Amino acid sequence: MPKVTKSIQGFPITSENLFDDLLLPLIKRNYYSLNKPFLIPVISYRYLGIKTDISAYYDQILQLDQTLLELTNRYLRFSESLKNNLRPELTTKMQSLLEKEPFQKNSDFSDQLSVFLTNNSIFPTLNNHNLQVALATSFTAILKLYLTNQPHFNATLVKNFTIKILNWLHDYLPLLFQDYEFTLPSDTLFNPKVLFYGDIKEHEVYFLILLTMLGTDLLYINPTGADKFTVIDPYSRFAFLKKLPNIAPLKKFPAADQIAIAKNNPHSLGNSVSAYFENATGKSESLTPAPLSFTEKTFEELAALSASTVMIRSYDRAGNILGAGSGVVIDANGLIVTNYHVIHQGVYYGIIFEGMNEASQYETYTVVNFDRNQDLALLKIGLSTTPIPINPGEQIGRGQKVVAIGSPLGLMNTFSDGLISGVRQINNCDYLQTSAPISPGSSGGALLNMYGHLIGITTAGYIDGQNLNLAVSSKYILDLLKQKYTLINQEIIIYCSTLSFEGTKLIFDALFNHQNITRYQIA
């Protein structure tokens, strides 16, 4: 009698209590289903940055590691690059295939390759028949994703990628899925789990995503904030993002046996695991509160930051230009700050970067949040970007040298310099008075200190004055970023504004036009 095969689908679910939810058995997770297909809800997150309390941060991570070691034998933790234990027979078979089948970059190739690997028993053998079938399906999906992300490609790269993934599958899948029978749910059934700590390589990201497709929980941790996933998974379809408020240098992940020694013998290394961590690394480093460099830059170096400032055109429903202003990129995922008065009448906006043909501007409806009183707004585009670091409003005083970058009168990224003339309070809001020239069109532009930090958003000038210009303090940008509406709207944008089906992607951008934003009640 032939085996009846159900498809297996591991899919990420959101979590409010990430570390607790990783420890939940499958039967207690939302959406777990044994109907066709098998739905395996997985916790898949990038945990980037570091908490203000460094000791508590590492204590929490190491406690999770120890709990997972005790909880399940289907747990792997990586704190360095995956090893490449090459299998010559895989290389030989792949070379033979590519010689017989001319390479073409299309979905058919991915399907054909998966069938070839299955028919020639090249995939590792798993005890569960449904998982074995799901492995071939997931491999096909990950190869298609890889091909999609490769604009310039050849058969050699396909072979190298495939061989690397196959070797890792042979190395790690038998360990992760040993004696794993997910169709017999109980309070003691835990799905496989992987923790990856530190810097990661591109192919390793694809491998981890493949594991989540098979129903494996994934936690990628990097206190430096570096994130390779954004290139491969820009819309967080496979791994959600939990961003912590600060960043810090990467430290070595202590070995489990040394952690146990620290716990069992508090006199040896202190009363907490973090005490071991400090001793193991030689010192306890102070927290880096933000990615700020305090090396003074030349004017030429400051002018190069024009790559992270933009011109913004505001349009009505008919596509007529209502006005233009400036904006500043403030994160790596396309978040731009500008003045509210630049965007308040618009229905959608054209975003133009330096060197870009104006006809090929990025268009967006998405206004993440705004504050009329402080004249600030946050726009979002679906693009990886290089941000300008934000100064929290500290160490700003009269006589300090500053530069302004904006697009006055449509003159893209005009660069000028001046001084801080004073700090003025207008309508209970702190403005920096500066002698750096600001003209119509400069509104929403960057006011920078000599370190290249964003200290203000250029806002207005006195018509009857000479070099009397104002910029709203950057500290209000940080306040706006911390607002609940900002955080929730960014989550909605990540999780709900994009739908992909059979290669077609729909983006529900207009939902976030500021004229349509609903001030929902937050419980």
Protein backbone atom coordinates (compact mmCIF):
# COMPACT_ATOMS: atom_id res chain seq x y z
CA MET A 1 0.00 0.00 0.00
CA PRO A 2 1.53 3.35 -1.00
CA LYS A 3 2.40 5.86 1.67
CA VAL A 4 0.07 8.84 2.01
CA THR A 5 2.18 11.99 2.14
CA LYS A 6 1.05 15.26 3.62
CA SER A 7 2.98 18.43 2.94
CA ILE A 8 4.78 20.01 5.87
CA GLN A 9 4.89 23.75 6.24
CA GLY A 10 6.97 25.46 8.86
CA PHE A 11 5.96 29.10 9.14
CA PRO A 12 7.09 31.88 11.48
CA ILE A 13 4.69 33.24 14.08
CA THR A 14 5.14 36.48 15.99
CA SER A 15 6.09 36.47 19.65
CA GLU A 16 5.70 38.99 22.43
CA ASN A 17 7.78 36.87 24.84
CA LEU A 18 10.46 35.50 22.58
CA PHE A 19 12.56 33.52 25.05
CA ASP A 20 9.52 32.01 26.77
CA ASP A 21 7.80 31.06 23.51
CA LEU A 22 10.90 29.22 22.30
CA LEU A 23 10.34 26.83 25.20
CA LEU A 24 6.71 26.08 24.37
CA PRO A 25 5.84 22.60 23.09
CA LEU A 26 4.16 22.53 19.69
CA ILE A 27 0.75 21.62 21.05
CA LYS A 28 0.62 24.93 22.98
CA ARG A 29 1.45 27.12 19.98
CA ASN A 30 -1.13 28.94 17.91
CA TYR A 31 -1.87 27.50 14.45
CA TYR A 32 -0.35 24.09 15.09
CA SER A 33 -2.35 21.71 12.93
CA LEU A 34 -2.21 18.07 11.87
CA ASN A 35 -4.73 18.62 9.12
CA LYS A 36 -3.50 18.72 5.56
CA PRO A 37 -0.96 20.26 5.31
CA PHE A 38 0.94 19.77 8.58
CA LEU A 39 1.38 23.31 9.94
CA ILE A 40 4.41 23.74 12.19
CA PRO A 41 4.43 27.20 13.84
CA VAL A 42 8.05 28.19 14.37
CA ILE A 43 9.70 30.95 16.39
CA SER A 44 12.12 32.52 13.91
CA TYR A 45 13.74 35.80 14.94
CA ARG A 46 16.81 37.97 14.47
CA TYR A 47 17.67 39.30 17.94
CA LEU A 48 19.91 42.26 17.10
CA GLY A 49 21.65 44.79 19.31
CA ILE A 50 21.99 44.65 23.06
CA LYS A 51 20.12 45.72 26.18
CA THR A 52 21.26 48.59 28.34
CA ASP A 53 22.08 46.12 31.11
CA ILE A 54 24.80 44.04 29.43
CA SER A 55 25.07 41.50 32.24
CA ALA A 56 21.33 40.82 32.17
CA TYR A 57 21.48 40.47 28.39
CA TYR A 58 24.14 37.75 28.45
CA ASP A 59 22.63 36.06 31.49
CA GLN A 60 19.34 35.71 29.61
CA ILE A 61 20.98 34.32 26.48
CA LEU A 62 23.14 31.84 28.36
CA GLN A 63 20.23 30.72 30.53
CA LEU A 64 18.23 30.05 27.37
CA ASP A 65 21.14 28.05 25.95
CA GLN A 66 21.34 25.90 29.08
CA THR A 67 17.59 25.36 29.21
CA LEU A 68 17.49 24.24 25.59
CA LEU A 69 20.37 21.84 26.20
CA GLU A 70 18.39 20.24 29.03
CA LEU A 71 15.03 20.43 27.27
CA THR A 72 15.72 18.65 24.00
CA ASN A 73 18.43 16.70 22.23
CA ARG A 74 17.28 18.38 19.01
CA TYR A 75 19.13 21.63 19.72
CA LEU A 76 22.18 23.08 17.94
CA ARG A 77 24.02 26.24 18.88
CA PHE A 78 26.50 27.86 16.50
CA SER A 79 28.88 30.55 17.70
CA GLU A 80 31.16 30.49 14.66
CA SER A 81 30.89 29.77 10.95
CA LEU A 82 29.51 26.38 9.93
CA LYS A 83 32.18 23.84 9.02
CA ASN A 84 32.43 22.61 5.43
CA ASN A 85 32.85 18.85 5.69
CA LEU A 86 32.97 18.15 1.96
CA ARG A 87 31.71 14.85 0.58
CA PRO A 88 33.49 14.07 -2.71
CA GLU A 89 30.60 11.92 -3.98
CA LEU A 90 28.24 14.93 -3.82
CA THR A 91 30.64 17.03 -5.86
CA THR A 92 31.01 14.29 -8.46
CA LYS A 93 27.26 13.78 -8.85
CA MET A 94 26.57 17.50 -9.06
CA GLN A 95 29.25 17.96 -11.70
CA SER A 96 27.76 15.08 -13.68
CA LEU A 97 24.29 16.60 -13.53
CA LEU A 98 25.37 20.04 -14.68
CA GLU A 99 27.26 18.52 -17.60
CA LYS A 100 24.15 16.65 -18.74
CA GLU A 101 21.63 19.41 -18.02
CA PRO A 102 22.60 22.88 -19.33
CA PHE A 103 22.03 25.45 -16.62
CA GLN A 104 19.16 27.89 -17.01
CA LYS A 105 18.15 30.38 -14.35
CA ASN A 106 14.48 29.54 -13.94
CA SER A 107 12.14 27.75 -11.57
CA ASP A 108 12.14 24.59 -13.69
CA PHE A 109 15.84 24.13 -13.00
CA SER A 110 15.21 24.24 -9.23
CA ASP A 111 12.50 21.59 -9.52
CA GLN A 112 14.60 19.40 -11.81
CA LEU A 113 17.60 19.58 -9.51
CA SER A 114 15.49 18.62 -6.50
CA VAL A 115 14.08 15.61 -8.37
CA PHE A 116 17.60 14.58 -9.39
CA LEU A 117 18.85 14.78 -5.79
CA THR A 118 15.86 12.76 -4.57
CA ASN A 119 16.09 10.06 -7.25
CA ASN A 120 19.82 9.62 -6.63
CA SER A 121 19.41 9.49 -2.82
CA ILE A 122 21.67 12.52 -2.34
CA PHE A 123 19.56 14.11 0.39
CA PRO A 124 20.22 12.81 3.92
CA THR A 125 17.83 10.05 5.02
CA LEU A 126 15.29 11.03 7.70
CA ASN A 127 13.17 8.65 9.75
CA ASN A 128 9.90 10.43 8.92
CA HIS A 129 8.62 10.01 5.35
CA ASN A 130 6.72 13.32 5.40
CA LEU A 131 9.84 15.15 6.50
CA GLN A 132 11.83 13.45 3.75
CA VAL A 133 9.40 14.78 1.13
CA ALA A 134 9.35 18.20 2.79
CA LEU A 135 13.16 18.33 2.60
CA ALA A 136 13.06 18.15 -1.21
CA THR A 137 10.31 20.79 -1.35
CA SER A 138 12.13 23.13 1.02
CA PHE A 139 15.40 22.72 -0.87
CA THR A 140 13.62 23.69 -4.09
CA ALA A 141 12.18 26.79 -2.41
CA ILE A 142 15.54 27.88 -1.01
CA LEU A 143 17.27 27.40 -4.36
CA LYS A 144 14.59 29.52 -6.06
CA LEU A 145 15.11 32.22 -3.42
CA TYR A 146 18.85 32.09 -4.04
CA LEU A 147 18.40 32.37 -7.80
CA THR A 148 16.01 35.31 -7.36
CA ASN A 149 18.62 37.21 -5.35
CA GLN A 150 21.45 36.62 -7.85
CA PRO A 151 21.40 39.11 -10.75
CA HIS A 152 24.63 37.72 -12.25
CA PHE A 153 24.83 33.98 -12.19
CA ASN A 154 26.49 30.90 -13.65
CA ALA A 155 26.49 27.14 -13.26
CA THR A 156 29.59 27.10 -11.05
CA LEU A 157 27.90 29.27 -8.43
CA VAL A 158 24.84 27.00 -8.50
CA LYS A 159 27.03 23.95 -8.00
CA ASN A 160 29.02 25.49 -5.13
CA PHE A 161 25.87 26.73 -3.39
CA THR A 162 24.12 23.38 -3.74
CA ILE A 163 27.09 21.34 -2.55
CA LYS A 164 27.54 23.57 0.50
CA ILE A 165 23.87 23.31 1.48
CA LEU A 166 23.83 19.54 0.91
CA ASN A 167 26.90 18.99 3.09
CA TRP A 168 25.35 21.01 5.90
CA LEU A 169 22.11 19.05 5.56
CA HIS A 170 24.05 15.79 5.96
CA ASP A 171 25.99 17.20 8.92
CA TYR A 172 23.11 18.62 10.92
CA LEU A 173 19.70 17.28 9.88
CA PRO A 174 20.12 13.80 11.40
CA LEU A 175 20.95 15.49 14.71
CA LEU A 176 18.07 17.96 14.59
CA PHE A 177 15.40 15.48 13.55
CA GLN A 178 16.47 12.37 15.41
CA ASP A 179 13.42 10.44 16.69
CA TYR A 180 11.22 13.44 15.90
CA GLU A 181 7.58 12.48 15.41
CA PHE A 182 5.60 15.71 15.18
CA THR A 183 2.31 13.89 14.47
CA LEU A 184 2.13 12.66 18.06
CA PRO A 185 1.56 15.92 19.94
CA SER A 186 2.09 16.08 23.67
CA ASP A 187 3.31 18.50 26.31
CA THR A 188 6.78 17.02 25.84
CA LEU A 189 7.00 17.36 22.05
CA PHE A 190 9.43 20.13 21.14
CA ASN A 191 10.40 20.94 17.59
CA PRO A 192 14.12 21.24 16.67
CA LYS A 193 15.87 24.48 17.61
CA VAL A 194 18.91 26.38 16.33
CA LEU A 195 20.67 29.32 17.96
CA PHE A 196 23.26 31.16 15.86
CA TYR A 197 25.38 33.75 17.70
CA GLY A 198 27.66 36.28 16.01
CA ASP A 199 28.52 37.21 12.45
CA ILE A 200 26.91 35.12 9.73
CA LYS A 201 27.65 34.47 6.06
CA GLU A 202 25.23 34.66 3.17
CA HIS A 203 24.99 30.91 2.47
CA GLU A 204 24.49 30.23 6.17
CA VAL A 205 21.43 32.47 6.14
CA TYR A 206 19.90 30.43 3.33
CA PHE A 207 20.61 27.22 5.24
CA LEU A 208 18.93 28.53 8.40
CA ILE A 209 15.88 29.67 6.42
CA LEU A 210 15.64 26.17 4.93
CA LEU A 211 15.58 24.72 8.45
CA THR A 212 12.67 26.96 9.42
CA MET A 213 10.75 25.68 6.40
CA LEU A 214 11.13 22.20 7.90
CA GLY A 215 9.71 23.36 11.23
CA THR A 216 12.86 24.36 13.15
CA ASP A 217 12.88 27.27 15.59
CA LEU A 218 15.61 29.82 14.84
CA LEU A 219 17.16 32.54 16.97
CA TYR A 220 19.92 34.58 15.33
CA ILE A 221 21.72 36.76 17.89
CA ASN A 222 24.19 39.54 17.14
CA PRO A 223 24.89 42.32 19.68
CA THR A 224 26.61 44.42 16.99
CA GLY A 225 23.30 44.86 15.16
CA ALA A 226 24.77 43.51 11.88
CA ASP A 227 22.09 41.78 9.82
CA LYS A 228 22.83 39.71 6.69
CA PHE A 229 19.19 38.63 6.61
CA THR A 230 18.02 42.00 5.25
CA VAL A 231 19.68 41.34 1.89
CA ILE A 232 18.15 37.87 1.51
CA ASP A 233 14.88 38.40 3.38
CA PRO A 234 14.17 42.19 3.20
CA TYR A 235 10.50 41.81 4.14
CA SER A 236 11.12 39.48 7.10
CA ARG A 237 9.07 36.64 5.61
CA PHE A 238 11.26 33.95 7.16
CA ALA A 239 12.74 35.59 10.28
CA PHE A 240 11.16 38.44 12.19
CA LEU A 241 13.26 41.24 13.65
CA LYS A 242 13.61 42.11 17.34
CA LYS A 243 15.85 45.17 17.54
CA LEU A 244 17.31 46.13 20.93
CA PRO A 245 18.08 49.77 21.82
CA ASN A 246 21.89 49.66 21.74
CA ILE A 247 24.83 47.93 20.08
CA ALA A 248 28.10 46.58 21.46
CA PRO A 249 31.23 44.77 20.21
CA LEU A 250 30.90 41.03 19.62
CA LYS A 251 32.21 38.86 22.44
CA LYS A 252 32.96 35.17 22.42
CA PHE A 253 30.10 32.89 23.43
CA PRO A 254 31.33 30.92 26.47
CA ALA A 255 31.37 27.13 26.30
CA ALA A 256 28.57 25.29 28.06
CA ASP A 257 30.85 23.38 30.41
CA GLN A 258 32.49 26.61 31.55
CA ILE A 259 29.08 28.13 32.20
CA ALA A 260 28.19 25.16 34.35
CA ILE A 261 31.39 25.62 36.34
CA ALA A 262 30.49 29.24 36.93
CA LYS A 263 27.02 28.28 38.12
CA ASN A 264 28.13 25.43 40.38
CA ASN A 265 31.11 27.25 41.85
CA PRO A 266 30.16 30.90 42.39
CA HIS A 267 33.46 31.58 44.17
CA SER A 268 35.42 30.72 41.03
CA LEU A 269 33.97 33.32 38.69
CA GLY A 270 31.39 35.31 40.56
CA ASN A 271 27.71 34.97 41.34
CA SER A 272 26.36 35.03 37.78
CA VAL A 273 27.14 33.66 34.38
CA SER A 274 27.91 37.19 33.21
CA ALA A 275 30.80 37.26 35.68
CA TYR A 276 32.34 34.34 33.81
CA PHE A 277 31.74 36.13 30.54
CA GLU A 278 33.63 39.20 31.71
CA ASN A 279 36.54 37.13 32.94
CA ALA A 280 36.66 35.05 29.77
CA THR A 281 36.94 38.12 27.58
CA GLY A 282 39.47 39.83 29.80
CA LYS A 283 37.38 42.87 30.67
CA SER A 284 33.86 44.15 30.97
CA GLU A 285 33.40 46.68 28.19
CA SER A 286 31.09 49.65 28.54
CA LEU A 287 27.98 49.76 26.40
CA THR A 288 28.02 51.61 23.09
CA PRO A 289 24.68 53.46 23.32
CA ALA A 290 24.41 54.11 19.56
CA PRO A 291 26.51 53.62 16.43
CA LEU A 292 28.23 56.98 16.91
CA SER A 293 31.84 57.68 15.97
CA PHE A 294 33.49 60.65 17.69
CA THR A 295 36.21 61.19 15.13
CA GLU A 296 35.92 64.66 13.64
CA LYS A 297 35.37 64.58 9.88
CA THR A 298 36.61 66.86 7.14
CA PHE A 299 34.12 68.87 5.10
CA GLU A 300 34.69 66.47 2.21
CA GLU A 301 33.80 63.50 4.43
CA LEU A 302 30.70 65.27 5.72
CA ALA A 303 29.64 66.14 2.18
CA ALA A 304 29.77 62.42 1.32
CA LEU A 305 26.84 61.91 3.73
CA SER A 306 24.70 63.46 0.99
CA ALA A 307 24.23 59.84 -0.14
CA SER A 308 21.92 59.46 2.88
CA THR A 309 19.86 62.61 2.31
CA VAL A 310 17.02 62.79 -0.21
CA MET A 311 14.76 65.15 -2.07
CA ILE A 312 11.05 64.59 -1.36
CA ARG A 313 8.29 65.56 -3.76
CA SER A 314 4.72 65.68 -2.50
CA TYR A 315 1.90 64.73 -4.91
CA ASP A 316 -1.89 65.03 -4.90
CA ARG A 317 -4.25 62.27 -6.05
CA ALA A 318 -4.02 63.43 -9.66
CA GLY A 319 -0.23 63.19 -9.63
CA ASN A 320 0.39 66.94 -9.52
CA ILE A 321 3.43 68.15 -7.56
CA LEU A 322 2.34 70.12 -4.50
CA GLY A 323 5.83 70.98 -3.30
CA ALA A 324 9.28 69.65 -2.52
CA GLY A 325 11.53 69.33 0.50
CA SER A 326 14.30 67.22 1.92
CA GLY A 327 14.66 64.13 4.08
CA VAL A 328 17.29 62.11 5.98
CA VAL A 329 17.73 58.33 6.04
CA ILE A 330 17.84 57.14 9.66
CA ASP A 331 17.82 53.34 9.47
CA ALA A 332 18.97 50.52 7.20
CA ASN A 333 15.46 49.54 6.09
CA GLY A 334 14.33 52.66 4.26
CA LEU A 335 13.07 54.86 7.12
CA ILE A 336 13.32 58.58 6.35
CA VAL A 337 12.68 61.56 8.65
CA THR A 338 11.47 64.89 7.31
CA ASN A 339 9.32 67.85 8.39
CA TYR A 340 5.59 67.30 8.74
CA HIS A 341 4.90 70.45 6.76
CA VAL A 342 6.77 68.90 3.80
CA ILE A 343 4.33 65.98 3.53
CA HIS A 344 1.09 67.06 5.21
CA GLN A 345 -0.88 67.91 2.06
CA GLY A 346 0.41 65.02 -0.03
CA VAL A 347 -1.25 61.75 -0.96
CA TYR A 348 1.97 60.08 -2.06
CA TYR A 349 5.64 61.05 -2.28
CA GLY A 350 8.57 60.77 -4.65
CA ILE A 351 11.93 60.02 -3.04
CA ILE A 352 15.05 60.96 -5.01
CA PHE A 353 18.57 59.98 -3.94
CA GLU A 354 21.70 61.74 -5.09
CA GLY A 355 22.70 60.72 -8.60
CA MET A 356 19.26 59.27 -9.35
CA ASN A 357 17.38 60.18 -12.49
CA GLU A 358 14.31 62.10 -11.30
CA ALA A 359 12.11 60.06 -13.64
CA SER A 360 13.07 56.87 -11.74
CA GLN A 361 12.24 58.19 -8.25
CA TYR A 362 10.98 55.85 -5.53
CA GLU A 363 7.30 56.44 -4.83
CA THR A 364 5.65 55.74 -1.51
CA TYR A 365 2.40 56.37 0.34
CA THR A 366 3.81 55.10 3.61
CA VAL A 367 3.90 57.57 6.52
CA VAL A 368 4.85 55.53 9.60
CA ASN A 369 4.07 58.33 12.06
CA PHE A 370 4.17 62.10 12.45
CA ASP A 371 4.09 64.86 15.07
CA ARG A 372 2.51 68.16 14.04
CA ASN A 373 3.73 70.04 17.10
CA GLN A 374 7.38 69.16 16.55
CA ASP A 375 7.00 69.26 12.75
CA LEU A 376 8.38 65.76 12.17
CA ALA A 377 7.25 62.84 10.01
CA LEU A 378 8.59 59.38 9.20
CA LEU A 379 8.36 58.02 5.65
CA LYS A 380 9.15 54.45 4.62
CA ILE A 381 10.43 53.00 1.34
CA GLY A 382 11.09 49.35 0.50
CA LEU A 383 14.83 49.71 0.09
CA SER A 384 18.00 48.86 2.00
CA THR A 385 19.62 52.18 2.95
CA THR A 386 22.65 53.63 4.72
CA PRO A 387 21.57 55.72 7.72
CA ILE A 388 23.05 58.83 9.32
CA PRO A 389 23.48 58.26 13.07
CA ILE A 390 21.25 60.33 15.36
CA ASN A 391 22.75 62.37 18.18
CA PRO A 392 20.42 62.14 21.21
CA GLY A 393 20.55 65.92 21.65
CA GLU A 394 23.63 65.97 23.87
CA GLN A 395 26.75 68.18 23.80
CA ILE A 396 25.18 70.80 21.55
CA GLY A 397 26.11 74.38 22.38
CA ARG A 398 26.53 77.90 21.04
CA GLY A 399 29.53 78.35 18.74
CA GLN A 400 29.66 74.72 17.63
CA LYS A 401 30.47 74.15 13.94
CA VAL A 402 27.71 72.52 11.90
CA VAL A 403 26.87 71.72 8.29
CA ALA A 404 23.50 71.55 6.56
CA ILE A 405 22.52 69.30 3.64
CA GLY A 406 19.25 69.89 1.82
CA SER A 407 17.71 70.58 -1.56
CA PRO A 408 16.76 74.28 -1.59
CA LEU A 409 14.83 75.42 -4.67
CA GLY A 410 15.28 71.94 -6.14
CA LEU A 411 19.10 72.11 -6.07
CA MET A 412 19.82 68.53 -4.96
CA ASN A 413 21.83 68.10 -1.74
CA THR A 414 23.24 71.59 -1.39
CA PHE A 415 26.01 71.59 1.23
CA SER A 416 26.69 74.59 3.50
CA ASP A 417 28.33 75.27 6.85
CA GLY A 418 27.78 77.57 9.81
CA LEU A 419 27.59 77.72 13.60
CA ILE A 420 25.08 76.98 16.31
CA SER A 421 23.91 80.46 17.27
CA GLY A 422 21.75 79.35 20.18
CA VAL A 423 18.96 77.06 21.37
CA ARG A 424 15.47 78.60 21.18
CA GLN A 425 12.23 77.31 22.64
CA ILE A 426 9.20 77.85 20.43
CA ASN A 427 5.83 76.41 21.42
CA ASN A 428 7.53 74.27 24.09
CA CYS A 429 9.85 72.73 21.49
CA ASP A 430 13.64 73.15 21.36
CA TYR A 431 15.02 74.51 18.09
CA LEU A 432 18.66 74.96 17.17
CA GLN A 433 19.34 78.41 15.76
CA THR A 434 22.08 78.18 13.14
CA SER A 435 23.89 80.44 10.71
CA ALA A 436 24.03 77.61 8.14
CA PRO A 437 21.87 78.84 5.21
CA ILE A 438 18.37 77.34 4.90
CA SER A 439 16.10 78.20 1.94
CA PRO A 440 12.72 76.90 0.71
CA GLY A 441 13.24 73.23 -0.16
CA SER A 442 15.79 72.75 2.63
CA SER A 443 12.98 71.87 5.04
CA GLY A 444 13.45 68.30 6.29
CA GLY A 445 17.18 68.32 5.56
CA ALA A 446 20.08 67.34 7.79
CA LEU A 447 21.89 69.53 10.29
CA LEU A 448 25.09 67.69 11.24
CA ASN A 449 27.85 68.21 13.76
CA MET A 450 31.48 67.73 12.75
CA TYR A 451 31.31 64.04 13.73
CA GLY A 452 28.64 63.43 11.10
CA HIS A 453 25.86 62.97 13.66
CA LEU A 454 22.35 64.18 12.88
CA ILE A 455 21.65 66.88 15.48
CA GLY A 456 18.64 68.52 13.88
CA ILE A 457 16.16 68.64 10.99
CA THR A 458 16.33 71.98 9.17
CA THR A 459 12.92 73.52 9.43
CA ALA A 460 12.61 77.29 8.90
CA GLY A 461 14.36 80.62 8.48
CA TYR A 462 13.54 84.21 9.36
CA ILE A 463 12.60 86.03 6.16
CA ASP A 464 13.66 89.42 7.53
CA GLY A 465 16.84 88.11 9.17
CA GLN A 466 20.24 87.25 7.79
CA ASN A 467 21.48 83.71 8.52
CA LEU A 468 18.79 83.26 11.18
CA ASN A 469 17.64 79.71 10.61
CA LEU A 470 16.10 76.97 12.74
CA ALA A 471 16.34 73.19 13.03
CA VAL A 472 14.18 71.00 15.27
CA SER A 473 16.37 69.09 17.76
CA SER A 474 17.22 65.48 16.90
CA LYS A 475 16.12 64.35 20.36
CA TYR A 476 12.52 64.61 19.16
CA ILE A 477 13.28 62.14 16.34
CA LEU A 478 14.26 59.57 18.96
CA ASP A 479 11.06 60.33 20.90
CA LEU A 480 9.01 59.76 17.75
CA LEU A 481 10.78 56.47 17.03
CA LYS A 482 9.88 55.21 20.51
CA GLN A 483 6.17 56.07 20.25
CA LYS A 484 3.82 53.08 20.34
CA TYR A 485 2.22 54.06 17.04
CA THR A 486 5.62 54.11 15.34
CA LEU A 487 6.56 50.69 16.70
CA ILE A 488 3.20 49.10 15.92
CA ASN A 489 2.93 50.60 12.44
CA GLN A 490 6.41 49.35 11.57
CA GLU A 491 5.40 45.88 12.76
CA ILE A 492 2.25 46.03 10.62
CA ILE A 493 4.27 47.16 7.62
CA ILE A 494 6.66 44.23 8.04
CA TYR A 495 4.05 41.55 8.70
CA CYS A 496 0.90 42.65 6.87
CA SER A 497 1.64 45.06 4.05
CA THR A 498 3.20 42.54 1.63
CA LEU A 499 1.60 39.48 0.08
CA SER A 500 3.56 37.10 -2.15
CA PHE A 501 1.95 34.33 -4.17
CA GLU A 502 3.53 32.27 -6.94
CA GLY A 503 6.17 34.87 -7.70
CA THR A 504 3.78 37.85 -7.60
CA LYS A 505 4.25 40.42 -4.84
CA LEU A 506 1.54 42.86 -3.73
CA ILE A 507 2.42 45.80 -1.48
CA PHE A 508 -0.43 47.54 0.35
CA ASP A 509 1.36 50.87 0.54
CA ALA A 510 -1.60 53.27 0.55
CA LEU A 511 -2.83 51.84 3.87
CA PHE A 512 -0.21 54.02 5.57
CA ASN A 513 -0.85 57.37 3.91
CA HIS A 514 -1.04 59.83 6.82
CA GLN A 515 -4.51 60.94 5.74
CA ASN A 516 -5.71 57.36 6.27
CA ILE A 517 -3.91 56.52 9.53
CA THR A 518 -6.36 55.47 12.23
CA ARG A 519 -5.43 56.25 15.81
CA TYR A 520 -6.36 52.81 17.10
CA GLN A 521 -6.64 52.12 20.80
CA ILE A 522 -3.66 50.36 22.30
CA ALA A 523 -4.60 48.01 25.11
